């Protein structure tokens, strides 16, 4: 699978996904910090990728419809350490057929997840 990982997500997630054999575009490696949300979303759509972020702006279905992407994975803010982010993403990737969740908004919490399927 192809992933775009936002600059606000731990690099441990990028490394984990690459180790698992996924194609990963890390925003932090692309042009550094400060890329506009609209540019990131355009990249995600163009690359037909799953987007992983901690930015709640990307949960707005009007501005950033997940239906235009393979999926948006939003890691809900909290005091998560990089290892916890890595564990949450790893569990999701291992437990779900992400291709079947195309267009969904997936919100990850420390103790669970919520999947908003496309209509």
N, C-alpha and C. Protein backbone atom coordinates (compact mmCIF):
# COMPACT_ATOMS: atom_id res chain seq x y z
N UNK A 1 0.84 -1.18 0.00
CA UNK A 1 0.00 0.00 0.00
C UNK A 1 0.89 1.24 0.00
N UNK A 2 0.31 2.33 -0.44
CA UNK A 2 1.02 3.60 -0.44
C UNK A 2 0.46 4.48 0.66
N UNK A 3 1.35 5.10 1.41
CA UNK A 3 0.98 6.00 2.50
C UNK A 3 1.66 7.35 2.33
N UNK A 4 0.96 8.40 2.72
CA UNK A 4 1.56 9.71 2.93
C UNK A 4 1.45 9.96 4.42
N UNK A 5 2.57 10.27 5.06
CA UNK A 5 2.60 10.49 6.50
C UNK A 5 2.91 11.96 6.76
N UNK A 6 2.00 12.61 7.47
CA UNK A 6 2.12 14.04 7.77
C UNK A 6 3.34 14.30 8.66
N UNK A 7 3.79 15.55 8.62
CA UNK A 7 4.97 15.94 9.39
C UNK A 7 4.76 15.86 10.90
N UNK A 8 3.50 15.84 11.35
CA UNK A 8 3.21 15.82 12.78
C UNK A 8 3.11 14.40 13.35
N UNK A 9 3.38 13.40 12.54
CA UNK A 9 3.35 12.00 12.97
C UNK A 9 4.80 11.54 13.17
N UNK A 10 5.00 10.76 14.19
CA UNK A 10 6.34 10.28 14.54
C UNK A 10 7.02 9.57 13.36
N UNK A 11 8.31 9.83 13.21
CA UNK A 11 9.06 9.16 12.14
C UNK A 11 9.13 7.65 12.37
N UNK A 12 8.89 7.21 13.60
CA UNK A 12 8.86 5.77 13.89
C UNK A 12 7.76 5.09 13.08
N UNK A 13 6.67 5.80 12.80
CA UNK A 13 5.58 5.25 11.98
C UNK A 13 6.07 5.07 10.55
N UNK A 14 6.78 6.06 10.03
CA UNK A 14 7.33 5.98 8.67
C UNK A 14 8.25 4.77 8.57
N UNK A 15 9.16 4.63 9.52
CA UNK A 15 10.11 3.52 9.51
C UNK A 15 9.40 2.18 9.59
N UNK A 16 8.39 2.09 10.45
CA UNK A 16 7.64 0.84 10.60
C UNK A 16 6.96 0.44 9.30
N UNK A 17 6.28 1.37 8.67
CA UNK A 17 5.57 1.07 7.43
C UNK A 17 6.55 0.65 6.33
N UNK A 18 7.68 1.31 6.26
CA UNK A 18 8.70 0.92 5.27
C UNK A 18 9.24 -0.47 5.55
N UNK A 19 9.46 -0.78 6.81
CA UNK A 19 9.93 -2.11 7.19
C UNK A 19 8.94 -3.18 6.78
N UNK A 20 7.65 -2.84 6.84
CA UNK A 20 6.60 -3.78 6.44
C UNK A 20 6.44 -3.87 4.92
N UNK A 21 7.24 -3.08 4.18
CA UNK A 21 7.24 -3.16 2.72
C UNK A 21 6.32 -2.18 2.02
N UNK A 22 5.78 -1.21 2.76
CA UNK A 22 4.88 -0.24 2.15
C UNK A 22 5.66 0.91 1.52
N UNK A 23 5.06 1.53 0.53
CA UNK A 23 5.61 2.72 -0.11
C UNK A 23 5.16 3.91 0.73
N UNK A 24 6.10 4.67 1.27
CA UNK A 24 5.77 5.76 2.19
C UNK A 24 6.38 7.07 1.72
N UNK A 25 5.54 8.09 1.62
CA UNK A 25 6.00 9.45 1.38
C UNK A 25 5.87 10.18 2.71
N UNK A 26 6.99 10.61 3.27
CA UNK A 26 6.99 11.35 4.53
C UNK A 26 7.08 12.84 4.22
N UNK A 27 6.08 13.59 4.63
CA UNK A 27 6.07 15.03 4.37
C UNK A 27 7.31 15.69 4.95
N UNK A 28 7.75 15.23 6.11
CA UNK A 28 8.94 15.82 6.75
C UNK A 28 10.20 15.63 5.91
N UNK A 29 10.22 14.62 5.05
CA UNK A 29 11.38 14.38 4.19
C UNK A 29 11.24 15.09 2.84
N UNK A 30 10.03 15.47 2.51
CA UNK A 30 9.76 16.02 1.18
C UNK A 30 10.28 17.45 1.04
N UNK A 31 9.73 18.35 1.83
CA UNK A 31 10.15 19.75 1.77
C UNK A 31 10.22 20.36 3.16
N UNK A 32 10.30 19.53 4.15
CA UNK A 32 10.35 20.06 5.50
C UNK A 32 8.98 20.46 6.00
N UNK A 33 8.97 21.24 7.05
CA UNK A 33 7.70 21.62 7.68
C UNK A 33 7.08 22.83 6.99
N UNK A 34 5.80 23.00 7.24
CA UNK A 34 5.12 24.19 6.76
C UNK A 34 4.43 24.07 5.42
N UNK A 35 4.28 22.89 4.90
CA UNK A 35 3.55 22.71 3.65
C UNK A 35 2.07 22.92 3.94
N UNK A 36 1.40 23.64 3.08
CA UNK A 36 -0.03 23.93 3.27
C UNK A 36 -0.85 22.65 3.24
N UNK A 37 -1.91 22.64 4.07
CA UNK A 37 -2.80 21.48 4.12
C UNK A 37 -3.36 21.14 2.75
N UNK A 38 -3.72 22.16 1.99
CA UNK A 38 -4.31 21.92 0.66
C UNK A 38 -3.30 21.24 -0.27
N UNK A 39 -2.02 21.60 -0.16
CA UNK A 39 -0.98 20.95 -0.97
C UNK A 39 -0.80 19.49 -0.57
N UNK A 40 -0.85 19.24 0.72
CA UNK A 40 -0.71 17.86 1.20
C UNK A 40 -1.88 17.03 0.70
N UNK A 41 -3.09 17.57 0.81
CA UNK A 41 -4.26 16.82 0.37
C UNK A 41 -4.20 16.53 -1.13
N UNK A 42 -3.77 17.49 -1.91
CA UNK A 42 -3.61 17.29 -3.35
C UNK A 42 -2.61 16.16 -3.63
N UNK A 43 -1.52 16.13 -2.87
CA UNK A 43 -0.53 15.06 -3.01
C UNK A 43 -1.14 13.70 -2.68
N UNK A 44 -1.89 13.63 -1.59
CA UNK A 44 -2.52 12.37 -1.17
C UNK A 44 -3.46 11.86 -2.26
N UNK A 45 -4.26 12.75 -2.82
CA UNK A 45 -5.21 12.36 -3.87
C UNK A 45 -4.45 11.92 -5.12
N UNK A 46 -3.46 12.71 -5.53
CA UNK A 46 -2.69 12.39 -6.74
C UNK A 46 -1.96 11.05 -6.61
N UNK A 47 -1.42 10.78 -5.44
CA UNK A 47 -0.66 9.55 -5.21
C UNK A 47 -1.55 8.34 -4.92
N UNK A 48 -2.86 8.58 -4.77
CA UNK A 48 -3.80 7.49 -4.42
C UNK A 48 -3.29 6.76 -3.18
N UNK A 49 -3.08 7.55 -2.13
CA UNK A 49 -2.45 7.05 -0.92
C UNK A 49 -3.40 7.11 0.28
N UNK A 50 -3.05 6.35 1.29
CA UNK A 50 -3.67 6.47 2.61
C UNK A 50 -2.89 7.55 3.34
N UNK A 51 -3.60 8.47 3.95
CA UNK A 51 -2.96 9.60 4.63
C UNK A 51 -3.04 9.41 6.13
N UNK A 52 -1.90 9.56 6.80
CA UNK A 52 -1.84 9.45 8.26
C UNK A 52 -1.46 10.82 8.82
N UNK A 53 -2.26 11.33 9.76
CA UNK A 53 -2.05 12.66 10.31
C UNK A 53 -2.50 12.74 11.76
N UNK A 54 -2.02 13.78 12.43
CA UNK A 54 -2.53 14.14 13.76
C UNK A 54 -3.26 15.47 13.69
N UNK A 55 -3.42 16.01 12.52
CA UNK A 55 -4.04 17.32 12.31
C UNK A 55 -5.54 17.15 12.13
N UNK A 56 -6.32 17.68 13.07
CA UNK A 56 -7.77 17.49 13.01
C UNK A 56 -8.43 18.25 11.87
N UNK A 57 -7.72 19.16 11.22
CA UNK A 57 -8.29 19.85 10.05
C UNK A 57 -8.68 18.84 8.97
N UNK A 58 -7.93 17.75 8.88
CA UNK A 58 -8.18 16.76 7.84
C UNK A 58 -9.38 15.87 8.13
N UNK A 59 -10.04 16.09 9.27
CA UNK A 59 -11.28 15.35 9.56
C UNK A 59 -12.50 16.10 9.06
N UNK A 60 -12.30 17.29 8.51
CA UNK A 60 -13.40 18.10 7.97
C UNK A 60 -13.78 17.56 6.59
N UNK A 61 -14.96 16.92 6.48
CA UNK A 61 -15.33 16.29 5.21
C UNK A 61 -15.66 17.28 4.09
N UNK A 62 -15.87 18.54 4.44
CA UNK A 62 -16.13 19.55 3.41
C UNK A 62 -14.82 19.97 2.75
N UNK A 63 -13.83 20.31 3.56
CA UNK A 63 -12.53 20.74 3.04
C UNK A 63 -11.69 19.60 2.51
N UNK A 64 -11.73 18.46 3.22
CA UNK A 64 -10.86 17.34 2.88
C UNK A 64 -11.67 16.04 2.88
N UNK A 65 -12.46 15.83 1.83
CA UNK A 65 -13.30 14.62 1.80
C UNK A 65 -12.46 13.34 1.69
N UNK A 66 -12.61 12.49 2.67
CA UNK A 66 -11.85 11.23 2.66
C UNK A 66 -12.21 10.37 1.46
N UNK A 67 -13.38 10.60 0.89
CA UNK A 67 -13.82 9.83 -0.27
C UNK A 67 -12.93 10.06 -1.49
N UNK A 68 -12.15 11.12 -1.50
CA UNK A 68 -11.24 11.38 -2.61
C UNK A 68 -9.88 10.70 -2.41
N UNK A 69 -9.73 10.05 -1.25
CA UNK A 69 -8.46 9.40 -0.91
C UNK A 69 -8.66 7.90 -0.76
N UNK A 70 -7.57 7.19 -0.58
CA UNK A 70 -7.68 5.77 -0.25
C UNK A 70 -8.22 5.63 1.17
N UNK A 71 -7.85 6.54 2.05
CA UNK A 71 -8.38 6.65 3.41
C UNK A 71 -7.59 7.75 4.12
N UNK A 72 -8.20 8.31 5.16
CA UNK A 72 -7.49 9.22 6.05
C UNK A 72 -7.48 8.57 7.42
N UNK A 73 -6.28 8.45 7.98
CA UNK A 73 -6.13 7.92 9.33
C UNK A 73 -5.72 9.10 10.22
N UNK A 74 -6.60 9.44 11.15
CA UNK A 74 -6.36 10.55 12.06
C UNK A 74 -6.01 9.98 13.43
N UNK A 75 -4.82 10.28 13.90
CA UNK A 75 -4.40 9.87 15.24
C UNK A 75 -4.83 10.98 16.18
N UNK A 76 -5.82 10.68 16.99
CA UNK A 76 -6.40 11.69 17.88
C UNK A 76 -5.35 12.18 18.86
N UNK A 77 -5.33 13.51 19.02
CA UNK A 77 -4.34 14.12 19.90
C UNK A 77 -4.46 13.62 21.32
N UNK A 78 -3.38 13.60 21.96
CA UNK A 78 -3.23 13.17 23.33
C UNK A 78 -1.74 13.13 23.59
N UNK A 79 -1.38 12.70 24.70
CA UNK A 79 0.04 12.62 25.03
C UNK A 79 0.62 11.29 24.57
N UNK A 80 0.48 11.00 23.29
CA UNK A 80 1.00 9.75 22.75
C UNK A 80 2.50 9.89 22.47
N UNK A 81 3.24 8.91 22.89
CA UNK A 81 4.65 8.84 22.57
C UNK A 81 4.79 8.21 21.18
N UNK A 82 5.96 8.36 20.58
CA UNK A 82 6.15 7.82 19.23
C UNK A 82 5.91 6.31 19.19
N UNK A 83 6.29 5.62 20.25
CA UNK A 83 6.08 4.17 20.30
C UNK A 83 4.59 3.83 20.31
N UNK A 84 3.78 4.66 20.98
CA UNK A 84 2.34 4.42 21.00
C UNK A 84 1.73 4.66 19.61
N UNK A 85 2.18 5.71 18.92
CA UNK A 85 1.71 5.94 17.55
C UNK A 85 2.05 4.75 16.67
N UNK A 86 3.28 4.29 16.78
CA UNK A 86 3.73 3.15 15.98
C UNK A 86 2.89 1.91 16.27
N UNK A 87 2.59 1.69 17.53
CA UNK A 87 1.78 0.53 17.93
C UNK A 87 0.36 0.64 17.37
N UNK A 88 -0.24 1.82 17.46
CA UNK A 88 -1.61 2.00 16.95
C UNK A 88 -1.68 1.76 15.44
N UNK A 89 -0.73 2.33 14.71
CA UNK A 89 -0.72 2.15 13.25
C UNK A 89 -0.43 0.69 12.91
N UNK A 90 0.51 0.08 13.61
CA UNK A 90 0.84 -1.32 13.36
C UNK A 90 -0.36 -2.23 13.57
N UNK A 91 -1.08 -2.00 14.64
CA UNK A 91 -2.27 -2.82 14.94
C UNK A 91 -3.33 -2.64 13.86
N UNK A 92 -3.53 -1.41 13.41
CA UNK A 92 -4.52 -1.15 12.35
C UNK A 92 -4.13 -1.86 11.06
N UNK A 93 -2.88 -1.72 10.66
CA UNK A 93 -2.41 -2.32 9.40
C UNK A 93 -2.50 -3.84 9.45
N UNK A 94 -2.21 -4.42 10.60
CA UNK A 94 -2.27 -5.88 10.74
C UNK A 94 -3.70 -6.41 10.84
N UNK A 95 -4.60 -5.63 11.41
CA UNK A 95 -5.94 -6.12 11.73
C UNK A 95 -7.00 -5.86 10.66
N UNK A 96 -6.75 -4.92 9.76
CA UNK A 96 -7.77 -4.53 8.80
C UNK A 96 -7.25 -4.64 7.37
N UNK A 97 -8.17 -4.93 6.48
CA UNK A 97 -7.88 -4.86 5.05
C UNK A 97 -8.10 -3.40 4.65
N UNK A 98 -7.02 -2.64 4.61
CA UNK A 98 -7.15 -1.21 4.37
C UNK A 98 -7.73 -0.89 3.00
N UNK A 99 -7.50 -1.75 2.03
CA UNK A 99 -8.09 -1.53 0.70
C UNK A 99 -9.61 -1.54 0.77
N UNK A 100 -10.17 -2.33 1.69
CA UNK A 100 -11.62 -2.40 1.85
C UNK A 100 -12.18 -1.16 2.55
N UNK A 101 -11.30 -0.35 3.13
CA UNK A 101 -11.73 0.86 3.83
C UNK A 101 -11.55 2.10 2.96
N UNK A 102 -11.42 1.91 1.66
CA UNK A 102 -11.21 3.02 0.72
C UNK A 102 -12.22 4.14 0.97
N UNK A 103 -11.70 5.35 1.08
CA UNK A 103 -12.55 6.52 1.26
C UNK A 103 -13.00 6.78 2.68
N UNK A 104 -12.57 5.94 3.61
CA UNK A 104 -13.00 6.08 5.01
C UNK A 104 -12.14 7.10 5.76
N UNK A 105 -12.73 7.64 6.83
CA UNK A 105 -12.00 8.42 7.82
C UNK A 105 -11.88 7.54 9.05
N UNK A 106 -10.65 7.21 9.40
CA UNK A 106 -10.39 6.32 10.53
C UNK A 106 -9.75 7.15 11.63
N UNK A 107 -10.39 7.19 12.78
CA UNK A 107 -9.84 7.93 13.92
C UNK A 107 -9.31 6.92 14.93
N UNK A 108 -8.02 7.06 15.23
CA UNK A 108 -7.37 6.16 16.19
C UNK A 108 -7.28 6.85 17.54
N UNK A 109 -7.66 6.12 18.56
CA UNK A 109 -7.54 6.56 19.94
C UNK A 109 -6.57 5.62 20.64
N UNK A 110 -6.09 6.02 21.78
CA UNK A 110 -5.19 5.17 22.55
C UNK A 110 -5.82 3.80 22.81
N UNK A 111 -7.15 3.78 23.01
CA UNK A 111 -7.82 2.53 23.40
C UNK A 111 -8.85 2.04 22.38
N UNK A 112 -8.74 2.47 21.14
CA UNK A 112 -9.69 1.98 20.14
C UNK A 112 -9.66 2.80 18.87
N UNK A 113 -10.71 2.63 18.06
CA UNK A 113 -10.79 3.38 16.81
C UNK A 113 -12.25 3.57 16.41
N UNK A 114 -12.44 4.51 15.51
CA UNK A 114 -13.76 4.76 14.93
C UNK A 114 -13.56 4.85 13.42
N UNK A 115 -14.40 4.16 12.67
CA UNK A 115 -14.31 4.19 11.21
C UNK A 115 -15.57 4.82 10.67
N UNK A 116 -15.40 5.93 9.95
CA UNK A 116 -16.53 6.57 9.25
C UNK A 116 -16.41 6.17 7.78
N UNK A 117 -17.28 5.25 7.39
CA UNK A 117 -17.26 4.73 6.02
C UNK A 117 -17.87 5.75 5.07
N UNK A 118 -17.43 5.75 3.81
CA UNK A 118 -18.03 6.66 2.83
C UNK A 118 -19.48 6.28 2.57
N UNK A 119 -20.26 7.25 2.19
CA UNK A 119 -21.68 6.99 1.89
C UNK A 119 -21.87 6.73 0.43
